[in-house]
C-alpha atoms as a PDB file:
ATOM      1  CA  MET A   1      -2.909  -9.657   8.448  1.00  0.00           C
ATOM      2  CA  ILE A   2       0.219  -7.912   9.544  1.00  0.00           C
ATOM      3  CA  ARG A   3       3.915  -8.105   8.312  1.00  0.00           C
ATOM      4  CA  SER A   4       4.632 -10.586  10.746  1.00  0.00           C
ATOM      5  CA  GLU A   5       1.956 -12.984   9.916  1.00  0.00           C
ATOM      6  CA  LEU A   6       2.915 -12.782   6.275  1.00  0.00           C
ATOM      7  CA  ILE A   7       6.464 -13.874   6.807  1.00  0.00           C
ATOM      8  CA  GLN A   8       5.462 -16.700   9.269  1.00  0.00           C
ATOM      9  CA  LYS A   9       2.843 -17.944   6.406  1.00  0.00           C
ATOM     10  CA  LEU A  10       5.467 -17.643   3.790  1.00  0.00           C
ATOM     11  CA  SER A  11       8.125 -19.503   6.092  1.00  0.00           C
ATOM     12  CA  GLU A  12       5.772 -21.803   6.468  1.00  0.00           C
ATOM     13  CA  GLU A  13       5.110 -22.593   3.202  1.00  0.00           C
ATOM     14  CA  ASN A  14       8.682 -22.608   2.157  1.00  0.00           C
ATOM     15  CA  PRO A  15      10.604 -24.946   4.769  1.00  0.00           C
ATOM     16  CA  HIS A  16      13.374 -24.859   2.470  1.00  0.00           C
ATOM     17  CA  LEU A  17      13.620 -21.086   3.135  1.00  0.00           C
ATOM     18  CA  PHE A  18      14.992 -19.515   6.478  1.00  0.00           C
ATOM     19  CA  GLN A  19      12.703 -17.478   8.088  1.00  0.00           C
ATOM     20  CA  ARG A  20      15.105 -14.215   8.323  1.00  0.00           C
ATOM     21  CA  ASP A  21      15.396 -14.755   4.463  1.00  0.00           C
ATOM     22  CA  VAL A  22      11.779 -14.906   4.014  1.00  0.00           C
ATOM     23  CA  GLU A  23      11.765 -11.551   6.279  1.00  0.00           C
ATOM     24  CA  ARG A  24      14.297  -9.981   3.862  1.00  0.00           C
ATOM     25  CA  ILE A  25      12.509 -10.761   1.021  1.00  0.00           C
ATOM     26  CA  VAL A  26       9.240  -9.120   2.154  1.00  0.00           C
ATOM     27  CA  ASN A  27      10.868  -6.150   3.413  1.00  0.00           C
ATOM     28  CA  THR A  28      12.692  -5.633  -0.036  1.00  0.00           C
ATOM     29  CA  ILE A  29       9.523  -5.632  -1.735  1.00  0.00           C
ATOM     30  CA  PHE A  30       7.958  -3.382   0.446  1.00  0.00           C
ATOM     31  CA  GLU A  31      10.707  -0.994   0.182  1.00  0.00           C
ATOM     32  CA  GLU A  32      10.870  -0.999  -3.449  1.00  0.00           C
ATOM     33  CA  ILE A  33       7.105  -0.125  -3.542  1.00  0.00           C
ATOM     34  CA  ILE A  34       7.669   2.559  -1.215  1.00  0.00           C
ATOM     35  CA  GLU A  35      10.617   3.988  -2.963  1.00  0.00           C
ATOM     36  CA  ALA A  36       8.819   3.864  -6.390  1.00  0.00           C
ATOM     37  CA  MET A  37       6.076   5.542  -5.188  1.00  0.00           C
ATOM     38  CA  ALA A  38       8.144   8.267  -3.824  1.00  0.00           C
ATOM     39  CA  ARG A  39       9.676   8.965  -6.954  1.00  0.00           C
ATOM     40  CA  GLY A  40       6.217   9.191  -8.467  1.00  0.00           C
ATOM     41  CA  ASP A  41       5.876   5.883 -10.058  1.00  0.00           C
ATOM     42  CA  ARG A  42       2.764   3.649 -10.421  1.00  0.00           C
ATOM     43  CA  VAL A  43       3.435  -0.162  -8.951  1.00  0.00           C
ATOM     44  CA  GLU A  44       1.221  -2.924 -10.774  1.00  0.00           C
ATOM     45  CA  LEU A  45       0.856  -6.464  -9.258  1.00  0.00           C
ATOM     46  CA  ARG A  46      -1.442  -8.063 -11.919  1.00  0.00           C
ATOM     47  CA  GLY A  47      -4.080  -9.896 -10.607  1.00  0.00           C
ATOM     48  CA  PHE A  48      -3.704  -7.677  -7.092  1.00  0.00           C
ATOM     49  CA  GLY A  49      -3.676  -4.348  -8.043  1.00  0.00           C
ATOM     50  CA  ALA A  50      -2.133  -1.140  -8.687  1.00  0.00           C
ATOM     51  CA  PHE A  51      -0.340   1.565  -6.290  1.00  0.00           C
ATOM     52  CA  SER A  52      -0.169   5.134  -7.113  1.00  0.00           C
ATOM     53  CA  VAL A  53       0.202   8.468  -5.853  1.00  0.00           C
ATOM     54  CA  LYS A  54      -2.233  11.153  -6.013  1.00  0.00           C
ATOM     55  CA  LYS A  55      -1.930  14.831  -5.715  1.00  0.00           C
ATOM     56  CA  ARG A  56      -4.498  16.741  -3.445  1.00  0.00           C
ATOM     57  CA  ASP A  57      -4.456  20.289  -3.900  1.00  0.00           C
ATOM     58  CA  ALA A  58      -4.781  22.864  -1.291  1.00  0.00           C
ATOM     59  CA  ARG A  59      -7.950  23.579   0.262  1.00  0.00           C
ATOM     60  CA  ALA A  60      -9.928  25.667   3.213  1.00  0.00           C
ATOM     61  CA  GLY A  61     -10.714  22.943   5.929  1.00  0.00           C
ATOM     62  CA  ARG A  62     -12.307  23.415   9.117  1.00  0.00           C
ATOM     63  CA  ASN A  63     -11.609  22.610  12.636  1.00  0.00           C
ATOM     64  CA  PRO A  64     -14.278  19.978  13.666  1.00  0.00           C
ATOM     65  CA  ARG A  65     -14.107  20.755  17.067  1.00  0.00           C
ATOM     66  CA  THR A  66     -14.586  25.106  17.187  1.00  0.00           C
ATOM     67  CA  GLY A  67     -15.724  25.451  13.521  1.00  0.00           C
ATOM     68  CA  GLU A  68     -13.067  27.555  12.279  1.00  0.00           C
ATOM     69  CA  SER A  69     -11.615  27.645   8.824  1.00  0.00           C
ATOM     70  CA  VAL A  70      -7.942  25.948   8.632  1.00  0.00           C
ATOM     71  CA  ALA A  71      -5.949  26.081   5.331  1.00  0.00           C
ATOM     72  CA  VAL A  72      -4.883  22.557   4.545  1.00  0.00           C
ATOM     73  CA  GLU A  73      -1.646  22.452   2.112  1.00  0.00           C
ATOM     74  CA  GLN A  74      -1.470  20.581  -1.057  1.00  0.00           C
ATOM     75  CA  LYS A  75       0.068  17.055  -0.562  1.00  0.00           C
ATOM     76  CA  HIS A  76       0.505  13.805  -2.242  1.00  0.00           C
ATOM     77  CA  VAL A  77      -1.331  10.517  -1.005  1.00  0.00           C
ATOM     78  CA  PRO A  78      -0.970   6.573  -1.643  1.00  0.00           C
ATOM     79  CA  PHE A  79      -3.949   5.147  -3.780  1.00  0.00           C
ATOM     80  CA  PHE A  80      -4.601   1.616  -4.569  1.00  0.00           C
ATOM     81  CA  LYS A  81      -6.926   0.313  -7.312  1.00  0.00           C
ATOM     82  CA  THR A  82      -7.794  -3.216  -7.021  1.00  0.00           C
ATOM     83  CA  GLY A  83      -6.979  -5.377  -9.654  1.00  0.00           C
ATOM     84  CA  LYS A  84     -10.078  -7.816 -11.936  1.00  0.00           C
ATOM     85  CA  LEU A  85      -8.771 -10.677 -10.527  1.00  0.00           C
ATOM     86  CA  LEU A  86      -8.716  -9.423  -6.746  1.00  0.00           C
ATOM     87  CA  ARG A  87     -12.260  -7.612  -7.175  1.00  0.00           C
ATOM     88  CA  ASP A  88     -14.052 -11.153  -8.695  1.00  0.00           C
ATOM     89  CA  ARG A  89     -12.657 -13.108  -5.809  1.00  0.00           C
ATOM     90  CA  LEU A  90     -14.010 -10.612  -3.114  1.00  0.00           C
ATOM     91  CA  ASN A  91     -17.086 -10.702  -4.592  1.00  0.00           C
ATOM     92  CA  GLY A  92     -17.361 -14.618  -5.200  1.00  0.00           C
ATOM     93  CA  GLU A  93     -17.146 -14.533  -9.020  1.00  0.00           C
END
């Protein structure tokens, strides 16, 4: 599902809201998650999962085409851990 499909589905399920308002709500939620993660905070949505940021240390990598050693800088990457409810539903429990 992409963002526009999510907005469309929420608009259909809530006919009392204008689509532009639903779009604003969805965009605000995503922006708040992004801003929290940019600050290094953890975002937990009960039953769904938790978003966090993990630090990857600098390392020596390889260019797959030439096999040459390449320095890979330290970086921060997003990480998602599923919640128990989501895991159970995916496994048919």
